[in-house]
N, C-alpha and C. Protein backbone atom coordinates (compact mmCIF):
# COMPACT_ATOMS: atom_id res chain seq x y z
N MET A 1 34.22 20.38 -49.01
CA MET A 1 34.79 21.42 -47.69
C MET A 1 34.03 21.88 -46.78
N ILE A 2 33.60 22.20 -45.95
CA ILE A 2 32.76 22.88 -44.40
C ILE A 2 34.23 23.40 -44.11
N GLU A 3 33.37 25.06 -44.24
CA GLU A 3 34.57 26.06 -43.32
C GLU A 3 33.46 26.36 -41.38
N LEU A 4 34.00 26.53 -40.51
CA LEU A 4 33.29 27.12 -39.86
C LEU A 4 33.87 28.39 -40.36
N LEU A 5 31.96 29.36 -39.79
CA LEU A 5 32.22 30.40 -39.77
C LEU A 5 32.72 31.64 -38.22
N LYS A 6 33.06 32.07 -38.41
CA LYS A 6 32.96 32.76 -36.92
C LYS A 6 32.59 34.01 -36.67
N GLY A 7 32.35 34.50 -35.92
CA GLY A 7 31.54 36.00 -35.62
C GLY A 7 30.17 36.22 -34.59
N PHE A 8 30.05 34.22 -34.52
CA PHE A 8 28.63 34.43 -34.06
C PHE A 8 28.50 33.57 -32.86
N PRO A 9 27.38 33.84 -31.72
CA PRO A 9 26.98 33.54 -30.38
C PRO A 9 27.25 32.49 -30.64
N SER A 10 27.43 31.86 -29.02
CA SER A 10 27.73 30.47 -28.75
C SER A 10 26.76 29.07 -29.11
N ASN A 11 25.77 29.73 -29.01
CA ASN A 11 24.62 29.03 -29.63
C ASN A 11 24.38 28.54 -30.83
N VAL A 12 24.56 29.09 -31.84
CA VAL A 12 25.29 29.31 -33.64
C VAL A 12 26.26 28.91 -33.84
N VAL A 13 26.01 27.28 -34.29
CA VAL A 13 26.83 26.90 -35.56
C VAL A 13 26.62 27.54 -37.31
N ALA A 14 27.45 27.97 -37.64
CA ALA A 14 27.50 28.79 -38.81
C ALA A 14 28.89 27.95 -39.38
N ILE A 15 28.61 27.63 -40.75
CA ILE A 15 29.06 26.83 -41.68
C ILE A 15 28.77 27.34 -43.00
N SER A 16 30.26 27.36 -43.87
CA SER A 16 29.77 27.52 -45.29
C SER A 16 30.27 26.27 -46.10
N CYS A 17 29.57 25.61 -46.84
CA CYS A 17 30.24 24.59 -47.85
C CYS A 17 30.90 25.16 -49.13
N HIS A 18 32.29 24.51 -49.42
CA HIS A 18 32.88 24.48 -50.87
C HIS A 18 33.08 23.79 -51.38
N GLY A 19 33.26 23.95 -52.79
CA GLY A 19 33.81 22.59 -53.54
C GLY A 19 32.98 21.40 -52.75
N ASP A 20 33.55 20.11 -52.86
CA ASP A 20 33.00 18.71 -52.60
C ASP A 20 32.67 18.85 -50.95
N VAL A 21 31.88 18.02 -50.91
CA VAL A 21 31.69 18.38 -48.87
C VAL A 21 31.93 16.82 -48.69
N SER A 22 32.76 16.42 -47.83
CA SER A 22 33.27 14.64 -47.86
C SER A 22 32.47 14.03 -46.28
N ARG A 23 32.14 13.38 -45.79
CA ARG A 23 31.74 12.76 -44.81
C ARG A 23 33.25 12.85 -43.80
N GLN A 24 34.08 12.71 -44.36
CA GLN A 24 35.41 13.94 -43.51
C GLN A 24 35.39 14.99 -42.47
N ASP A 25 34.20 15.73 -43.82
CA ASP A 25 34.23 17.16 -42.95
C ASP A 25 33.32 17.32 -42.15
N TYR A 26 32.45 16.56 -42.30
CA TYR A 26 31.79 16.16 -40.60
C TYR A 26 31.95 15.72 -39.81
N ASP A 27 32.58 14.58 -39.79
CA ASP A 27 33.34 14.35 -38.63
C ASP A 27 34.24 14.85 -38.32
N THR A 28 34.67 15.72 -38.86
CA THR A 28 36.46 17.05 -38.70
C THR A 28 36.12 18.14 -37.69
N VAL A 29 34.78 18.76 -39.02
CA VAL A 29 34.18 20.07 -38.91
C VAL A 29 32.61 20.18 -37.77
N LEU A 30 31.81 19.65 -38.75
CA LEU A 30 30.69 19.74 -37.97
C LEU A 30 30.11 19.30 -36.97
N VAL A 31 29.95 18.13 -36.65
CA VAL A 31 30.34 17.22 -35.69
C VAL A 31 30.45 18.10 -34.34
N PRO A 32 31.75 18.21 -34.25
CA PRO A 32 32.63 18.63 -33.11
C PRO A 32 31.96 20.42 -32.80
N ALA A 33 31.56 20.86 -34.01
CA ALA A 33 31.02 21.98 -33.13
C ALA A 33 30.36 22.16 -32.53
N VAL A 34 28.83 21.09 -33.43
CA VAL A 34 27.95 21.18 -33.08
C VAL A 34 27.72 20.32 -31.07
N GLU A 35 28.42 19.65 -30.97
CA GLU A 35 28.48 19.36 -29.87
C GLU A 35 29.26 19.89 -29.01
N LYS A 36 30.28 21.22 -29.48
CA LYS A 36 31.49 22.53 -28.41
C LYS A 36 29.68 23.37 -27.99
N ALA A 37 29.32 23.78 -28.89
CA ALA A 37 28.19 24.22 -28.72
C ALA A 37 27.35 23.89 -28.07
N LEU A 38 26.52 22.68 -28.20
CA LEU A 38 25.84 22.08 -26.84
C LEU A 38 26.10 21.54 -25.61
N GLN A 39 27.33 21.67 -25.65
CA GLN A 39 28.12 21.64 -24.09
C GLN A 39 27.48 23.21 -23.19
N SER A 40 27.52 24.49 -23.98
CA SER A 40 27.13 25.19 -22.95
C SER A 40 25.71 25.69 -23.39
N ASN A 41 25.15 24.89 -24.19
CA ASN A 41 23.82 25.88 -24.61
C ASN A 41 22.48 24.58 -24.67
N ASP A 42 21.37 24.92 -24.36
CA ASP A 42 20.79 23.68 -23.91
C ASP A 42 19.79 23.57 -25.68
N THR A 43 20.16 24.46 -26.64
CA THR A 43 19.56 24.69 -28.23
C THR A 43 20.54 24.66 -28.93
N VAL A 44 20.63 24.83 -30.47
CA VAL A 44 21.69 25.32 -30.89
C VAL A 44 20.61 25.81 -32.33
N ARG A 45 21.52 27.11 -32.59
CA ARG A 45 21.10 27.57 -33.75
C ARG A 45 21.61 27.29 -35.24
N MET A 46 21.57 26.60 -36.48
CA MET A 46 22.69 26.12 -37.60
C MET A 46 22.29 27.67 -38.50
N LEU A 47 23.40 27.73 -39.33
CA LEU A 47 23.12 28.89 -40.21
C LEU A 47 24.33 28.23 -41.04
N TYR A 48 23.44 27.27 -42.25
CA TYR A 48 23.97 26.32 -42.93
C TYR A 48 23.83 27.23 -44.79
N GLU A 49 25.72 26.87 -44.70
CA GLU A 49 25.62 27.79 -46.08
C GLU A 49 26.40 27.41 -47.34
N VAL A 50 25.49 27.12 -48.63
CA VAL A 50 26.17 26.46 -49.62
C VAL A 50 26.79 27.92 -50.69
N ALA A 51 28.26 27.61 -50.62
CA ALA A 51 28.83 28.88 -51.52
C ALA A 51 28.62 28.28 -52.76
N PRO A 52 28.65 29.36 -53.66
CA PRO A 52 28.97 29.75 -55.16
C PRO A 52 29.47 27.90 -55.72
N ASP A 53 30.90 28.30 -54.57
CA ASP A 53 31.31 26.76 -55.91
C ASP A 53 31.62 25.86 -54.80
N PHE A 54 30.59 25.27 -54.24
CA PHE A 54 29.94 24.02 -54.30
C PHE A 54 29.57 23.24 -55.21
N THR A 55 30.15 22.39 -55.31
CA THR A 55 30.42 21.06 -56.58
C THR A 55 29.60 19.86 -55.93
N GLY A 56 28.81 19.44 -54.93
CA GLY A 56 28.09 18.38 -54.20
C GLY A 56 28.51 17.89 -53.12
N TYR A 57 27.90 16.96 -52.62
CA TYR A 57 27.93 15.88 -51.66
C TYR A 57 28.66 14.47 -51.53
N GLU A 58 29.62 14.23 -51.32
CA GLU A 58 30.06 12.68 -51.26
C GLU A 58 28.68 12.19 -50.35
N ALA A 59 28.47 10.53 -50.85
CA ALA A 59 26.97 9.73 -50.56
C ALA A 59 27.50 9.85 -49.00
N GLY A 60 28.62 9.77 -48.49
CA GLY A 60 28.30 9.36 -46.93
C GLY A 60 28.36 10.67 -46.09
N ALA A 61 28.62 11.85 -46.99
CA ALA A 61 28.37 13.43 -46.71
C ALA A 61 26.95 13.31 -46.10
N ALA A 62 26.26 12.72 -47.14
CA ALA A 62 24.37 13.18 -47.30
C ALA A 62 24.29 12.72 -45.86
N TRP A 63 25.11 11.20 -45.75
CA TRP A 63 24.66 10.74 -44.05
C TRP A 63 24.78 10.85 -43.30
N GLU A 64 25.58 11.63 -43.01
CA GLU A 64 25.95 11.94 -42.61
C GLU A 64 25.09 13.33 -42.04
N ASP A 65 24.97 14.28 -42.64
CA ASP A 65 24.72 15.38 -42.66
C ASP A 65 23.26 14.76 -42.18
N PHE A 66 22.20 13.50 -42.48
CA PHE A 66 21.42 13.34 -41.66
C PHE A 66 21.39 12.90 -40.57
N LYS A 67 22.43 12.51 -40.33
CA LYS A 67 22.67 11.24 -39.01
C LYS A 67 22.66 12.41 -37.95
N THR A 68 23.48 13.93 -38.29
CA THR A 68 23.64 14.81 -37.03
C THR A 68 22.43 15.46 -36.79
N GLY A 69 21.56 15.70 -37.44
CA GLY A 69 20.36 16.52 -37.93
C GLY A 69 19.23 15.17 -36.63
N MET A 70 19.52 14.00 -37.04
CA MET A 70 18.69 13.27 -35.88
C MET A 70 19.29 13.03 -34.58
N GLU A 71 20.72 12.58 -34.53
CA GLU A 71 20.97 12.81 -33.17
C GLU A 71 20.39 13.71 -31.93
N HIS A 72 20.40 15.16 -33.14
CA HIS A 72 19.94 16.21 -32.14
C HIS A 72 18.67 16.55 -31.80
N PHE A 73 17.62 15.70 -33.29
CA PHE A 73 16.35 16.31 -32.87
C PHE A 73 16.08 17.56 -32.88
N THR A 74 15.77 17.14 -31.21
CA THR A 74 15.08 17.97 -30.08
C THR A 74 16.12 19.20 -29.22
N LYS A 75 17.20 19.45 -30.36
CA LYS A 75 18.06 20.50 -29.79
C LYS A 75 18.10 22.12 -31.15
N TRP A 76 17.71 21.46 -31.96
CA TRP A 76 17.71 22.39 -33.04
C TRP A 76 16.62 23.56 -32.98
N ASP A 77 16.98 24.70 -32.53
CA ASP A 77 16.00 25.83 -32.39
C ASP A 77 15.43 26.30 -33.63
N ARG A 78 16.31 27.13 -34.01
CA ARG A 78 16.54 27.38 -36.02
C ARG A 78 17.30 27.04 -36.81
N ILE A 79 17.02 27.14 -38.00
CA ILE A 79 18.01 27.21 -38.84
C ILE A 79 17.90 27.31 -40.23
N ALA A 80 19.75 28.07 -40.82
CA ALA A 80 19.27 28.90 -41.42
C ALA A 80 19.84 28.38 -42.67
N VAL A 81 19.32 28.36 -44.06
CA VAL A 81 20.13 27.57 -45.19
C VAL A 81 20.02 28.64 -46.23
N ILE A 82 21.11 28.89 -46.23
CA ILE A 82 21.02 30.13 -47.55
C ILE A 82 22.30 29.28 -48.62
N THR A 83 21.10 29.55 -50.18
CA THR A 83 21.95 28.23 -51.36
C THR A 83 21.07 28.96 -52.11
N ASP A 84 21.72 29.36 -53.70
CA ASP A 84 20.65 29.86 -54.51
C ASP A 84 20.40 28.14 -55.70
N ILE A 85 20.89 27.09 -54.71
CA ILE A 85 20.96 25.58 -55.37
C ILE A 85 19.59 25.07 -55.37
N GLU A 86 18.50 24.75 -56.79
CA GLU A 86 17.25 24.58 -56.21
C GLU A 86 17.23 23.37 -55.50
N TRP A 87 17.58 21.94 -55.79
CA TRP A 87 16.94 21.06 -55.37
C TRP A 87 17.79 20.90 -54.11
N ILE A 88 18.21 21.88 -53.65
CA ILE A 88 18.58 21.80 -52.36
C ILE A 88 17.60 22.77 -50.96
N ARG A 89 17.37 23.63 -51.87
CA ARG A 89 15.86 24.33 -51.09
C ARG A 89 14.78 23.92 -51.12
N ASP A 90 15.02 23.19 -52.57
CA ASP A 90 13.22 22.15 -52.44
C ASP A 90 13.68 20.99 -51.20
N ALA A 91 14.62 20.31 -51.16
CA ALA A 91 14.61 19.23 -50.41
C ALA A 91 14.80 20.01 -48.26
N VAL A 92 15.28 20.81 -47.96
CA VAL A 92 15.34 21.46 -46.90
C VAL A 92 13.83 21.96 -46.88
N LYS A 93 12.95 22.51 -47.59
CA LYS A 93 11.59 22.83 -47.92
C LYS A 93 10.49 21.40 -48.01
N ILE A 94 10.96 20.20 -48.06
CA ILE A 94 10.22 19.04 -47.85
C ILE A 94 10.63 18.98 -46.54
N PHE A 95 11.59 18.33 -46.51
CA PHE A 95 12.57 17.46 -44.61
C PHE A 95 12.45 18.75 -44.16
N GLY A 96 12.48 20.37 -43.96
CA GLY A 96 12.22 20.87 -42.77
C GLY A 96 10.82 20.96 -42.16
N VAL A 97 10.24 20.10 -42.87
CA VAL A 97 9.08 20.56 -41.49
C VAL A 97 8.49 19.27 -40.97
N PHE A 98 9.37 18.48 -40.83
CA PHE A 98 9.15 17.20 -39.97
C PHE A 98 10.12 17.65 -38.79
N LEU A 99 11.07 18.75 -39.14
CA LEU A 99 11.76 19.32 -37.69
C LEU A 99 10.80 20.01 -36.76
N PRO A 100 11.00 19.71 -35.17
CA PRO A 100 10.77 20.73 -34.50
C PRO A 100 11.02 22.34 -34.10
N SER A 101 12.20 22.40 -35.08
CA SER A 101 12.65 23.69 -34.88
C SER A 101 12.30 25.34 -36.27
N THR A 102 12.43 26.55 -36.43
CA THR A 102 11.93 27.06 -37.11
C THR A 102 13.00 26.95 -38.55
N VAL A 103 13.19 26.65 -39.51
CA VAL A 103 13.67 26.82 -40.52
C VAL A 103 13.25 27.08 -41.86
N ARG A 104 14.23 28.22 -42.51
CA ARG A 104 14.05 29.16 -43.33
C ARG A 104 15.23 29.42 -44.47
N VAL A 105 15.04 29.32 -45.46
CA VAL A 105 16.00 28.90 -46.55
C VAL A 105 15.89 30.32 -47.64
N TYR A 106 17.04 30.94 -47.56
CA TYR A 106 17.63 32.55 -48.46
C TYR A 106 18.32 32.17 -49.44
N PRO A 107 17.59 32.72 -50.18
CA PRO A 107 19.24 32.98 -51.80
C PRO A 107 20.36 33.36 -51.21
N LEU A 108 21.04 33.70 -51.96
CA LEU A 108 23.04 34.25 -51.53
C LEU A 108 22.45 35.22 -51.42
N ALA A 109 21.89 35.89 -52.08
CA ALA A 109 21.22 37.56 -51.81
C ALA A 109 21.28 38.29 -50.75
N GLU A 110 20.54 36.84 -49.94
CA GLU A 110 19.84 37.67 -48.33
C GLU A 110 20.65 36.62 -47.61
N ALA A 111 21.88 36.59 -47.99
CA ALA A 111 22.69 35.76 -46.48
C ALA A 111 22.65 37.23 -45.17
N ALA A 112 22.81 37.93 -45.64
CA ALA A 112 22.90 39.36 -44.83
C ALA A 112 21.65 39.29 -43.81
N GLN A 113 20.20 38.98 -44.09
CA GLN A 113 19.05 38.55 -43.50
C GLN A 113 19.15 37.21 -42.66
N ALA A 114 19.61 36.21 -43.98
CA ALA A 114 19.70 34.79 -43.02
C ALA A 114 19.99 35.34 -41.23
N ARG A 115 21.77 35.82 -42.27
CA ARG A 115 22.63 35.98 -40.39
C ARG A 115 21.93 36.57 -39.18
N LEU A 116 21.09 37.82 -39.84
CA LEU A 116 20.22 38.58 -38.56
C LEU A 116 19.19 37.36 -38.03
N TRP A 117 18.61 36.82 -38.86
CA TRP A 117 17.59 36.01 -38.20
C TRP A 117 17.98 35.12 -37.33
N ILE A 118 18.95 34.45 -37.68
CA ILE A 118 19.71 33.41 -36.71
C ILE A 118 20.38 33.91 -35.58
N THR A 119 20.47 35.08 -35.10
CA THR A 119 21.32 35.87 -33.98
C THR A 119 20.00 36.20 -32.96
N GLN A 120 18.94 36.95 -34.12
CA GLN A 120 18.02 37.38 -33.01
C GLN A 120 17.59 36.93 -32.41
N ALA A 121 17.69 37.76 -30.97
CA ALA A 121 16.68 36.52 -29.95
C ALA A 121 15.09 36.50 -30.29
N SER A 122 14.73 35.52 -29.58
CA SER A 122 13.19 34.67 -30.10
C SER A 122 12.28 35.07 -29.40
């Protein structure tokens, strides 16, 4: 499940992933939030928190994640990923270098720093 987090500026899409994340979660929560943010902002920032109760992605969800990133490739300003899951941290570090935006990975214990960084002025 993807939960939209509140209390962020209009140029920040902030989500938390819990349990199993499905393609439907991307289609009904993440993609509409990104589209809405892009209606009023030239670029968008993403705060992507992987909660402690996260259990995995369905195959379709992984594809939607990649597709969403590529469809708006030049529109990402900053991306902060918060997770203690090693394979996710490693994947973000590997693939993050190919994005035109700044990507940072934070452990769950540093979630407050990630939230501060994602909202700070450039």
